[in-house]
Amino acid sequence: MGEHLGKRLAEPRRVTRLIRLPEVMSRVGLGRSTIYRWMSEGRFPKPVQLGGHAVAWSEDDLDEWIAGKLN
Protein backbone atom coordinates (compact mmCIF):
# COMPACT_ATOMS: atom_id res chain seq x y z
CA MET A 1 0.00 0.00 0.00
CA GLY A 2 2.86 2.39 0.74
CA GLU A 3 4.23 2.01 -2.78
CA HIS A 4 0.83 2.82 -4.27
CA LEU A 5 0.46 5.96 -2.14
CA GLY A 6 3.98 7.12 -2.96
CA LYS A 7 3.32 6.65 -6.67
CA ARG A 8 0.12 8.74 -6.48
CA LEU A 9 1.94 11.56 -4.70
CA ALA A 10 4.68 11.61 -7.35
CA GLU A 11 2.17 12.15 -10.19
CA PRO A 12 1.43 15.79 -11.04
CA ARG A 13 -2.01 16.89 -9.94
CA ARG A 14 -4.28 17.93 -12.76
CA VAL A 15 -6.58 20.77 -11.76
CA THR A 16 -9.80 21.13 -13.70
CA ARG A 17 -11.51 24.45 -14.17
CA LEU A 18 -15.08 24.80 -12.90
CA ILE A 19 -17.51 26.55 -15.23
CA ARG A 20 -20.72 28.31 -14.23
CA LEU A 21 -24.02 27.99 -16.13
CA PRO A 22 -23.76 31.03 -18.47
CA GLU A 23 -20.47 29.76 -19.91
CA VAL A 24 -21.78 26.18 -20.08
CA MET A 25 -24.79 27.39 -22.11
CA SER A 26 -22.48 29.32 -24.43
CA ARG A 27 -20.12 26.38 -24.94
CA VAL A 28 -22.74 23.74 -25.66
CA GLY A 29 -25.35 25.91 -27.39
CA LEU A 30 -28.18 24.76 -25.13
CA GLY A 31 -30.52 26.70 -22.87
CA ARG A 32 -30.87 26.30 -19.11
CA SER A 33 -34.06 24.23 -19.29
CA THR A 34 -32.59 21.79 -21.80
CA ILE A 35 -29.40 21.36 -19.77
CA TYR A 36 -31.32 20.58 -16.58
CA ARG A 37 -33.79 18.30 -18.38
CA TRP A 38 -30.96 16.37 -20.04
CA MET A 39 -29.18 16.11 -16.67
CA SER A 40 -32.29 14.49 -15.15
CA GLU A 41 -32.42 12.09 -18.13
CA GLY A 42 -28.71 11.22 -17.74
CA ARG A 43 -27.82 12.82 -21.08
CA PHE A 44 -25.68 15.69 -19.73
CA PRO A 45 -22.90 15.83 -17.10
CA LYS A 46 -23.95 16.60 -13.53
CA PRO A 47 -22.58 19.74 -11.88
CA VAL A 48 -20.42 19.99 -8.78
CA GLN A 49 -22.09 21.55 -5.72
CA LEU A 50 -20.13 24.63 -4.62
CA GLY A 51 -22.25 25.46 -1.60
CA GLY A 52 -25.74 26.72 -1.05
CA HIS A 53 -27.45 26.76 -4.41
CA ALA A 54 -24.26 27.45 -6.39
CA VAL A 55 -23.13 24.80 -8.87
CA ALA A 56 -20.52 24.56 -11.61
CA TRP A 57 -19.48 21.99 -14.18
CA SER A 58 -16.06 20.44 -14.60
CA GLU A 59 -14.42 21.71 -17.78
CA ASP A 60 -13.03 18.21 -18.37
CA ASP A 61 -16.51 16.65 -18.12
CA LEU A 62 -17.92 19.18 -20.59
CA ASP A 63 -15.03 18.69 -23.03
CA GLU A 64 -15.60 14.90 -22.93
CA TRP A 65 -19.34 15.34 -23.45
CA ILE A 66 -18.79 17.68 -26.42
CA ALA A 67 -16.23 15.31 -27.95
CA GLY A 68 -18.71 12.45 -27.58
CA LYS A 69 -21.35 14.44 -29.43
CA LEU A 70 -18.95 15.16 -32.29
CA ASN A 71 -18.26 11.44 -32.87
PDB file of N, CA and C in Angstrom:
ATOM      1  N   MET A   1       0.820  -1.193   0.000  1.00  0.00           N
ATOM      2  CA  MET A   1       0.000   0.000   0.000  1.00  0.00           C
ATOM      3  C   MET A   1       0.862   1.254   0.000  1.00  0.00           C
ATOM      4  N   GLY A   2       1.974   1.240   0.701  1.00  0.00           N
ATOM      5  CA  GLY A   2       2.859   2.391   0.738  1.00  0.00           C
ATOM      6  C   GLY A   2       3.405   2.765  -0.625  1.00  0.00           C
ATOM      7  N   GLU A   3       3.730   1.749  -1.440  1.00  0.00           N
ATOM      8  CA  GLU A   3       4.226   2.013  -2.783  1.00  0.00           C
ATOM      9  C   GLU A   3       3.159   2.717  -3.617  1.00  0.00           C
ATOM     10  N   HIS A   4       1.928   2.243  -3.505  1.00  0.00           N
ATOM     11  CA  HIS A   4       0.827   2.821  -4.270  1.00  0.00           C
ATOM     12  C   HIS A   4       0.623   4.284  -3.894  1.00  0.00           C
ATOM     13  N   LEU A   5       0.649   4.593  -2.623  1.00  0.00           N
ATOM     14  CA  LEU A   5       0.462   5.958  -2.144  1.00  0.00           C
ATOM     15  C   LEU A   5       1.603   6.844  -2.617  1.00  0.00           C
ATOM     16  N   GLY A   6       2.821   6.347  -2.517  1.00  0.00           N
ATOM     17  CA  GLY A   6       3.975   7.119  -2.962  1.00  0.00           C
ATOM     18  C   GLY A   6       3.923   7.414  -4.448  1.00  0.00           C
ATOM     19  N   LYS A   7       3.441   6.469  -5.231  1.00  0.00           N
ATOM     20  CA  LYS A   7       3.318   6.653  -6.670  1.00  0.00           C
ATOM     21  C   LYS A   7       2.288   7.735  -6.991  1.00  0.00           C
ATOM     22  N   ARG A   8       1.159   7.725  -6.262  1.00  0.00           N
ATOM     23  CA  ARG A   8       0.124   8.738  -6.478  1.00  0.00           C
ATOM     24  C   ARG A   8       0.639  10.127  -6.146  1.00  0.00           C
ATOM     25  N   LEU A   9       1.435  10.249  -5.100  1.00  0.00           N
ATOM     26  CA  LEU A   9       1.940  11.561  -4.705  1.00  0.00           C
ATOM     27  C   LEU A   9       2.962  12.091  -5.699  1.00  0.00           C
ATOM     28  N   ALA A  10       3.665  11.196  -6.391  1.00  0.00           N
ATOM     29  CA  ALA A  10       4.677  11.615  -7.346  1.00  0.00           C
ATOM     30  C   ALA A  10       4.055  12.120  -8.647  1.00  0.00           C
ATOM     31  N   GLU A  11       2.823  11.712  -8.961  1.00  0.00           N
ATOM     32  CA  GLU A  11       2.172  12.147 -10.185  1.00  0.00           C
ATOM     33  C   GLU A  11       1.728  13.603 -10.045  1.00  0.00           C
ATOM     34  N   PRO A  12       1.884  14.388 -11.120  1.00  0.00           N
ATOM     35  CA  PRO A  12       1.434  15.786 -11.043  1.00  0.00           C
ATOM     36  C   PRO A  12      -0.084  15.841 -10.934  1.00  0.00           C
ATOM     37  N   ARG A  13      -0.572  16.730 -10.109  1.00  0.00           N
ATOM     38  CA  ARG A  13      -2.014  16.894  -9.938  1.00  0.00           C
ATOM     39  C   ARG A  13      -2.573  17.708 -11.082  1.00  0.00           C
ATOM     40  N   ARG A  14      -3.620  17.205 -11.684  1.00  0.00           N
ATOM     41  CA  ARG A  14      -4.284  17.929 -12.764  1.00  0.00           C
ATOM     42  C   ARG A  14      -5.476  18.661 -12.154  1.00  0.00           C
ATOM     43  N   VAL A  15      -5.500  19.958 -12.316  1.00  0.00           N
ATOM     44  CA  VAL A  15      -6.580  20.774 -11.764  1.00  0.00           C
ATOM     45  C   VAL A  15      -7.541  21.106 -12.899  1.00  0.00           C
ATOM     46  N   THR A  16      -8.797  20.803 -12.695  1.00  0.00           N
ATOM     47  CA  THR A  16      -9.797  21.126 -13.702  1.00  0.00           C
ATOM     48  C   THR A  16     -10.477  22.439 -13.349  1.00  0.00           C
ATOM     49  N   ARG A  17     -10.824  23.181 -14.351  1.00  0.00           N
ATOM     50  CA  ARG A  17     -11.509  24.448 -14.171  1.00  0.00           C
ATOM     51  C   ARG A  17     -12.998  24.171 -13.977  1.00  0.00           C
ATOM     52  N   LEU A  18     -13.638  24.920 -13.114  1.00  0.00           N
ATOM     53  CA  LEU A  18     -15.080  24.804 -12.903  1.00  0.00           C
ATOM     54  C   LEU A  18     -15.773  25.943 -13.639  1.00  0.00           C
ATOM     55  N   ILE A  19     -16.826  25.598 -14.362  1.00  0.00           N
ATOM     56  CA  ILE A  19     -17.506  26.553 -15.230  1.00  0.00           C
ATOM     57  C   ILE A  19     -18.949  26.742 -14.767  1.00  0.00           C
ATOM     58  N   ARG A  20     -19.356  27.990 -14.656  1.00  0.00           N
ATOM     59  CA  ARG A  20     -20.720  28.311 -14.233  1.00  0.00           C
ATOM     60  C   ARG A  20     -21.681  28.245 -15.425  1.00  0.00           C
ATOM     61  N   LEU A  21     -22.970  28.230 -15.134  1.00  0.00           N
ATOM     62  CA  LEU A  21     -24.016  27.990 -16.129  1.00  0.00           C
ATOM     63  C   LEU A  21     -23.950  28.894 -17.365  1.00  0.00           C
ATOM     64  N   PRO A  22     -23.775  30.212 -17.248  1.00  0.00           N
ATOM     65  CA  PRO A  22     -23.760  31.025 -18.471  1.00  0.00           C
ATOM     66  C   PRO A  22     -22.685  30.580 -19.485  1.00  0.00           C
ATOM     67  N   GLU A  23     -21.514  30.226 -19.002  1.00  0.00           N
ATOM     68  CA  GLU A  23     -20.465  29.762 -19.912  1.00  0.00           C
ATOM     69  C   GLU A  23     -20.780  28.375 -20.454  1.00  0.00           C
ATOM     70  N   VAL A  24     -21.383  27.514 -19.623  1.00  0.00           N
ATOM     71  CA  VAL A  24     -21.782  26.177 -20.083  1.00  0.00           C
ATOM     72  C   VAL A  24     -22.775  26.329 -21.239  1.00  0.00           C
ATOM     73  N   MET A  25     -23.783  27.182 -21.069  1.00  0.00           N
ATOM     74  CA  MET A  25     -24.785  27.385 -22.114  1.00  0.00           C
ATOM     75  C   MET A  25     -24.129  27.891 -23.400  1.00  0.00           C
ATOM     76  N   SER A  26     -23.189  28.791 -23.272  1.00  0.00           N
ATOM     77  CA  SER A  26     -22.483  29.325 -24.434  1.00  0.00           C
ATOM     78  C   SER A  26     -21.661  28.247 -25.135  1.00  0.00           C
ATOM     79  N   ARG A  27     -20.976  27.422 -24.366  1.00  0.00           N
ATOM     80  CA  ARG A  27     -20.116  26.379 -24.941  1.00  0.00           C
ATOM     81  C   ARG A  27     -20.895  25.291 -25.651  1.00  0.00           C
ATOM     82  N   VAL A  28     -22.014  24.876 -25.090  1.00  0.00           N
ATOM     83  CA  VAL A  28     -22.742  23.739 -25.659  1.00  0.00           C
ATOM     84  C   VAL A  28     -23.910  24.153 -26.548  1.00  0.00           C
ATOM     85  N   GLY A  29     -24.265  25.430 -26.535  1.00  0.00           N
ATOM     86  CA  GLY A  29     -25.346  25.905 -27.395  1.00  0.00           C
ATOM     87  C   GLY A  29     -26.721  25.442 -26.962  1.00  0.00           C
ATOM     88  N   LEU A  30     -26.888  25.194 -25.675  1.00  0.00           N
ATOM     89  CA  LEU A  30     -28.176  24.763 -25.129  1.00  0.00           C
ATOM     90  C   LEU A  30     -28.651  25.769 -24.089  1.00  0.00           C
ATOM     91  N   GLY A  31     -29.949  25.836 -23.891  1.00  0.00           N
ATOM     92  CA  GLY A  31     -30.521  26.698 -22.865  1.00  0.00           C
ATOM     93  C   GLY A  31     -30.548  26.013 -21.511  1.00  0.00           C
ATOM     94  N   ARG A  32     -30.834  26.799 -20.488  1.00  0.00           N
ATOM     95  CA  ARG A  32     -30.866  26.302 -19.110  1.00  0.00           C
ATOM     96  C   ARG A  32     -31.832  25.137 -18.938  1.00  0.00           C
ATOM     97  N   SER A  33     -33.043  25.284 -19.461  1.00  0.00           N
ATOM     98  CA  SER A  33     -34.062  24.234 -19.294  1.00  0.00           C
ATOM     99  C   SER A  33     -33.628  22.921 -19.930  1.00  0.00           C
ATOM    100  N   THR A  34     -33.045  23.000 -21.116  1.00  0.00           N
ATOM    101  CA  THR A  34     -32.593  21.789 -21.804  1.00  0.00           C
ATOM    102  C   THR A  34     -31.461  21.124 -21.039  1.00  0.00           C
ATOM    103  N   ILE A  35     -30.525  21.916 -20.549  1.00  0.00           N
ATOM    104  CA  ILE A  35     -29.397  21.362 -19.775  1.00  0.00           C
ATOM    105  C   ILE A  35     -29.924  20.612 -18.553  1.00  0.00           C
ATOM    106  N   TYR A  36     -30.807  21.234 -17.789  1.00  0.00           N
ATOM    107  CA  TYR A  36     -31.319  20.584 -16.578  1.00  0.00           C
ATOM    108  C   TYR A  36     -32.206  19.379 -16.900  1.00  0.00           C
ATOM    109  N   ARG A  37     -32.977  19.451 -17.989  1.00  0.00           N
ATOM    110  CA  ARG A  37     -33.794  18.297 -18.383  1.00  0.00           C
ATOM    111  C   ARG A  37     -32.894  17.134 -18.799  1.00  0.00           C
ATOM    112  N   TRP A  38     -31.879  17.422 -19.606  1.00  0.00           N
ATOM    113  CA  TRP A  38     -30.957  16.371 -20.043  1.00  0.00           C
ATOM    114  C   TRP A  38     -30.179  15.797 -18.868  1.00  0.00           C
ATOM    115  N   MET A  39     -29.852  16.631 -17.882  1.00  0.00           N
ATOM    116  CA  MET A  39     -29.182  16.110 -16.673  1.00  0.00           C
ATOM    117  C   MET A  39     -30.087  15.096 -15.984  1.00  0.00           C
ATOM    118  N   SER A  40     -31.364  15.401 -15.839  1.00  0.00           N
ATOM    119  CA  SER A  40     -32.292  14.488 -15.153  1.00  0.00           C
ATOM    120  C   SER A  40     -32.490  13.198 -15.948  1.00  0.00           C
ATOM    121  N   GLU A  41     -32.290  13.265 -17.261  1.00  0.00           N
ATOM    122  CA  GLU A  41     -32.416  12.088 -18.126  1.00  0.00           C
ATOM    123  C   GLU A  41     -31.084  11.333 -18.265  1.00  0.00           C
ATOM    124  N   GLY A  42     -30.020  11.862 -17.655  1.00  0.00           N
ATOM    125  CA  GLY A  42     -28.710  11.223 -17.743  1.00  0.00           C
ATOM    126  C   GLY A  42     -27.992  11.486 -19.056  1.00  0.00           C
ATOM    127  N   ARG A  43     -28.404  12.517 -19.779  1.00  0.00           N
ATOM    128  CA  ARG A  43     -27.819  12.825 -21.085  1.00  0.00           C
ATOM    129  C   ARG A  43     -26.827  13.975 -21.041  1.00  0.00           C
ATOM    130  N   PHE A  44     -26.594  14.551 -19.872  1.00  0.00           N
ATOM    131  CA  PHE A  44     -25.680  15.685 -19.731  1.00  0.00           C
ATOM    132  C   PHE A  44     -24.946  15.546 -18.402  1.00  0.00           C
ATOM    133  N   PRO A  45     -23.672  15.965 -18.351  1.00  0.00           N
ATOM    134  CA  PRO A  45     -22.903  15.829 -17.104  1.00  0.00           C
ATOM    135  C   PRO A  45     -23.554  16.568 -15.932  1.00  0.00           C
ATOM    136  N   LYS A  46     -23.421  15.988 -14.757  1.00  0.00           N
ATOM    137  CA  LYS A  46     -23.945  16.598 -13.531  1.00  0.00           C
ATOM    138  C   LYS A  46     -22.955  17.661 -13.038  1.00  0.00           C
ATOM    139  N   PRO A  47     -23.463  18.713 -12.418  1.00  0.00           N
ATOM    140  CA  PRO A  47     -22.575  19.744 -11.879  1.00  0.00           C
ATOM    141  C   PRO A  47     -22.001  19.349 -10.520  1.00  0.00           C
ATOM    142  N   VAL A  48     -21.031  20.129 -10.092  1.00  0.00           N
ATOM    143  CA  VAL A  48     -20.416  19.994  -8.779  1.00  0.00           C
ATOM    144  C   VAL A  48     -21.077  21.029  -7.871  1.00  0.00           C
ATOM    145  N   GLN A  49     -21.475  20.619  -6.676  1.00  0.00           N
ATOM    146  CA  GLN A  49     -22.092  21.547  -5.717  1.00  0.00           C
ATOM    147  C   GLN A  49     -20.999  22.410  -5.089  1.00  0.00           C
ATOM    148  N   LEU A  50     -21.130  23.725  -5.184  1.00  0.00           N
ATOM    149  CA  LEU A  50     -20.133  24.633  -4.624  1.00  0.00           C
ATOM    150  C   LEU A  50     -20.507  25.098  -3.226  1.00  0.00           C
ATOM    151  N   GLY A  51     -21.769  25.004  -2.899  1.00  0.00           N
ATOM    152  CA  GLY A  51     -22.248  25.460  -1.598  1.00  0.00           C
ATOM    153  C   GLY A  51     -23.524  26.235  -1.792  1.00  0.00           C
ATOM    154  N   GLY A  52     -24.439  26.063  -0.884  1.00  0.00           N
ATOM    155  CA  GLY A  52     -25.738  26.718  -1.048  1.00  0.00           C
ATOM    156  C   GLY A  52     -26.396  26.218  -2.312  1.00  0.00           C
ATOM    157  N   HIS A  53     -26.812  27.132  -3.142  1.00  0.00           N
ATOM    158  CA  HIS A  53     -27.449  26.764  -4.413  1.00  0.00           C
ATOM    159  C   HIS A  53     -26.488  26.918  -5.589  1.00  0.00           C
ATOM    160  N   ALA A  54     -25.242  27.228  -5.329  1.00  0.00           N
ATOM    161  CA  ALA A  54     -24.264  27.451  -6.394  1.00  0.00           C
ATOM    162  C   ALA A  54     -23.700  26.131  -6.906  1.00  0.00           C
ATOM    163  N   VAL A  55     -23.700  25.982  -8.234  1.00  0.00           N
ATOM    164  CA  VAL A  55     -23.129  24.802  -8.871  1.00  0.00           C
ATOM    165  C   VAL A  55     -22.244  25.237 -10.026  1.00  0.00           C
ATOM    166  N   ALA A  56     -21.365  24.327 -10.452  1.00  0.00           N
ATOM    167  CA  ALA A  56     -20.515  24.558 -11.611  1.00  0.00           C
ATOM    168  C   ALA A  56     -20.194  23.205 -12.223  1.00  0.00           C
ATOM    169  N   TRP A  57     -19.820  23.222 -13.471  1.00  0.00           N
ATOM    170  CA  TRP A  57     -19.483  21.992 -14.185  1.00  0.00           C
ATOM    171  C   TRP A  57     -17.984  21.909 -14.379  1.00  0.00           C
ATOM    172  N   SER A  58     -17.470  20.691 -14.342  1.00  0.00           N
ATOM    173  CA  SER A  58     -16.063  20.443 -14.602  1.00  0.00           C
ATOM    174  C   SER A  58     -15.797  20.667 -16.089  1.00  0.00           C
ATOM    175  N   GLU A  59     -14.782  21.459 -16.391  1.00  0.00           N
ATOM    176  CA  GLU A  59     -14.421  21.715 -17.784  1.00  0.00           C
ATOM    177  C   GLU A  59     -14.066  20.408 -18.496  1.00  0.00           C
ATOM    178  N   ASP A  60     -13.393  19.511 -17.789  1.00  0.00           N
ATOM    179  CA  ASP A  60     -13.027  18.213 -18.371  1.00  0.00           C
ATOM    180  C   ASP A  60     -14.272  17.405 -18.736  1.00  0.00           C
ATOM    181  N   ASP A  61     -15.273  17.380 -17.845  1.00  0.00           N
ATOM    182  CA  ASP A  61     -16.512  16.648 -18.118  1.00  0.00           C
ATOM    183  C   ASP A  61     -17.227  17.218 -19.347  1.00  0.00           C
ATOM    184  N   LEU A  62     -17.262  18.552 -19.437  1.00  0.00           N
ATOM    185  CA  LEU A  62     -17.915  19.180 -20.588  1.00  0.00           C
ATOM    186  C   LEU A  62     -17.158  18.888 -21.876  1.00  0.00           C
ATOM    187  N   ASP A  63     -15.832  18.970 -21.834  1.00  0.00           N
ATOM    188  CA  ASP A  63     -15.029  18.687 -23.026  1.00  0.00           C
ATOM    189  C   ASP A  63     -15.254  17.252 -23.503  1.00  0.00           C
ATOM    190  N   GLU A  64     -15.329  16.302 -22.570  1.00  0.00           N
ATOM    191  CA  GLU A  64     -15.599  14.900 -22.930  1.00  0.00           C
ATOM    192  C   GLU A  64     -16.985  14.756 -23.534  1.00  0.00           C
ATOM    193  N   TRP A  65     -17.974  15.428 -22.959  1.00  0.00           N
ATOM    194  CA  TRP A  65     -19.344  15.340 -23.452  1.00  0.00           C
ATOM    195  C   TRP A  65     -19.419  15.908 -24.864  1.00  0.00           C
ATOM    196  N   ILE A  66     -18.788  17.061 -25.088  1.00  0.00           N
ATOM    197  CA  ILE A  66     -18.794  17.684 -26.416  1.00  0.00           C
ATOM    198  C   ILE A  66     -18.097  16.777 -27.428  1.00  0.00           C
ATOM    199  N   ALA A  67     -16.954  16.221 -27.054  1.00  0.00           N
ATOM    200  CA  ALA A  67     -16.227  15.306 -27.951  1.00  0.00           C
ATOM    201  C   ALA A  67     -17.076  14.091 -28.297  1.00  0.00           C
ATOM    202  N   GLY A  68     -17.829  13.581 -27.335  1.00  0.00           N
ATOM    203  CA  GLY A  68     -18.713  12.446 -27.579  1.00  0.00           C
ATOM    204  C   GLY A  68     -19.832  12.790 -28.554  1.00  0.00           C
ATOM    205  N   LYS A  69     -20.300  14.011 -28.514  1.00  0.00           N
ATOM    206  CA  LYS A  69     -21.353  14.444 -29.430  1.00  0.00           C
ATOM    207  C   LYS A  69     -20.815  14.621 -30.848  1.00  0.00           C
ATOM    208  N   LEU A  70     -19.543  14.952 -30.970  1.00  0.00           N
ATOM    209  CA  LEU A  70     -18.951  15.155 -32.287  1.00  0.00           C
ATOM    210  C   LEU A  70     -18.669  13.841 -33.008  1.00  0.00           C
ATOM    211  N   ASN A  71     -18.559  12.753 -32.248  1.00  0.00           N
ATOM    212  CA  ASN A  71     -18.265  11.445 -32.866  1.00  0.00           C
ATOM    213  C   ASN A  71     -19.504  10.751 -33.337  1.00  0.00           C
TER     214      ASN A  71
END
